[in-house]
Amino acid sequence: MVDFYIDGVNYFKDVALAMENAKEDIMITGWWVSPEFSLIRPYTENLKYRLDNLLFAAAERDVKVFI
């Protein structure tokens, strides 16, 4: 299945949900990765969806994280 995105709002939401549901691996590539980046917009004080917190939670579930 292929999804098409018009802007980053829906894309990053889907990425956050995929990270929450990851069972084995998360792989991130890029030339610039900001751990404080909030994947769910609009930003709220809920820090659950910051990249660093999503990856930390995944690692605690024994998901392998590669950046």
C-alpha atoms as a PDB file:
ATOM      1  CA  MET A   1       0.000   0.000   0.000  1.00  0.00           C
ATOM      2  CA  VAL A   2       1.206   3.481  -0.848  1.00  0.00           C
ATOM      3  CA  ASP A   3       0.128   6.657   0.916  1.00  0.00           C
ATOM      4  CA  PHE A   4       0.504  10.112  -0.603  1.00  0.00           C
ATOM      5  CA  TYR A   5       1.027  13.135   1.609  1.00  0.00           C
ATOM      6  CA  ILE A   6       0.370  16.775   0.777  1.00  0.00           C
ATOM      7  CA  ASP A   7       2.227  18.137   3.783  1.00  0.00           C
ATOM      8  CA  GLY A   8       4.167  16.908   6.800  1.00  0.00           C
ATOM      9  CA  VAL A   9       1.335  16.995   9.348  1.00  0.00           C
ATOM     10  CA  ASN A  10      -0.247  13.680   8.371  1.00  0.00           C
ATOM     11  CA  TYR A  11       3.089  12.114   7.424  1.00  0.00           C
ATOM     12  CA  PHE A  12       4.712  12.738  10.810  1.00  0.00           C
ATOM     13  CA  LYS A  13       1.564  11.603  12.621  1.00  0.00           C
ATOM     14  CA  ASP A  14       1.707   8.298  10.730  1.00  0.00           C
ATOM     15  CA  VAL A  15       5.433   7.993  11.484  1.00  0.00           C
ATOM     16  CA  ALA A  16       4.767   8.535  15.204  1.00  0.00           C
ATOM     17  CA  LEU A  17       2.038   5.887  15.215  1.00  0.00           C
ATOM     18  CA  ALA A  18       4.294   3.458  13.329  1.00  0.00           C
ATOM     19  CA  MET A  19       7.029   3.994  15.936  1.00  0.00           C
ATOM     20  CA  GLU A  20       4.528   3.345  18.725  1.00  0.00           C
ATOM     21  CA  ASN A  21       3.516   0.077  17.068  1.00  0.00           C
ATOM     22  CA  ALA A  22       6.998  -1.065  16.018  1.00  0.00           C
ATOM     23  CA  LYS A  23       7.799  -4.617  17.080  1.00  0.00           C
ATOM     24  CA  GLU A  24      11.342  -5.217  15.777  1.00  0.00           C
ATOM     25  CA  ASP A  25      13.272  -2.339  14.189  1.00  0.00           C
ATOM     26  CA  ILE A  26      13.156   1.405  13.654  1.00  0.00           C
ATOM     27  CA  MET A  27      15.609   2.786  11.096  1.00  0.00           C
ATOM     28  CA  ILE A  28      16.119   6.499  10.534  1.00  0.00           C
ATOM     29  CA  THR A  29      18.411   8.025   7.934  1.00  0.00           C
ATOM     30  CA  GLY A  30      19.045  11.655   7.280  1.00  0.00           C
ATOM     31  CA  TRP A  31      21.650  14.334   7.381  1.00  0.00           C
ATOM     32  CA  TRP A  32      19.880  16.217  10.185  1.00  0.00           C
ATOM     33  CA  VAL A  33      17.861  14.597  12.974  1.00  0.00           C
ATOM     34  CA  SER A  34      16.579  16.673  15.882  1.00  0.00           C
ATOM     35  CA  PRO A  35      15.662  14.622  18.969  1.00  0.00           C
ATOM     36  CA  GLU A  36      13.403  17.407  20.292  1.00  0.00           C
ATOM     37  CA  PHE A  37      11.241  17.369  17.173  1.00  0.00           C
ATOM     38  CA  SER A  38       7.548  16.808  17.933  1.00  0.00           C
ATOM     39  CA  LEU A  39       5.971  14.453  15.396  1.00  0.00           C
ATOM     40  CA  ILE A  40       2.346  15.192  16.301  1.00  0.00           C
ATOM     41  CA  ARG A  41       1.168  18.682  15.395  1.00  0.00           C
ATOM     42  CA  PRO A  42      -0.059  21.031  16.635  1.00  0.00           C
ATOM     43  CA  TYR A  43       2.500  20.776  19.414  1.00  0.00           C
ATOM     44  CA  THR A  44       1.124  20.304  22.909  1.00  0.00           C
ATOM     45  CA  GLU A  45       2.831  20.035  26.256  1.00  0.00           C
ATOM     46  CA  ASN A  46       2.472  16.255  25.911  1.00  0.00           C
ATOM     47  CA  LEU A  47       6.066  15.203  25.257  1.00  0.00           C
ATOM     48  CA  LYS A  48       5.081  11.638  24.363  1.00  0.00           C
ATOM     49  CA  TYR A  49       5.353  12.332  20.637  1.00  0.00           C
ATOM     50  CA  ARG A  50       8.782  13.944  20.639  1.00  0.00           C
ATOM     51  CA  LEU A  51      11.206  11.896  18.555  1.00  0.00           C
ATOM     52  CA  ASP A  52      13.558  11.184  21.455  1.00  0.00           C
ATOM     53  CA  ASN A  53      10.732   9.974  23.700  1.00  0.00           C
ATOM     54  CA  LEU A  54       9.225   7.756  20.996  1.00  0.00           C
ATOM     55  CA  LEU A  55      12.607   6.154  20.334  1.00  0.00           C
ATOM     56  CA  PHE A  56      13.319   5.705  24.040  1.00  0.00           C
ATOM     57  CA  ALA A  57       9.943   4.025  24.574  1.00  0.00           C
ATOM     58  CA  ALA A  58      10.601   1.756  21.594  1.00  0.00           C
ATOM     59  CA  ALA A  59      14.028   0.785  22.959  1.00  0.00           C
ATOM     60  CA  GLU A  60      12.440  -0.058  26.308  1.00  0.00           C
ATOM     61  CA  ARG A  61      10.141  -2.470  24.411  1.00  0.00           C
ATOM     62  CA  ASP A  62      13.296  -4.122  22.993  1.00  0.00           C
ATOM     63  CA  VAL A  63      12.807  -2.595  19.560  1.00  0.00           C
ATOM     64  CA  LYS A  64      16.174  -2.104  17.846  1.00  0.00           C
ATOM     65  CA  VAL A  65      16.715   1.562  16.931  1.00  0.00           C
ATOM     66  CA  PHE A  66      19.163   2.518  14.175  1.00  0.00           C
ATOM     67  CA  ILE A  67      19.944   6.135  13.335  1.00  0.00           C
END
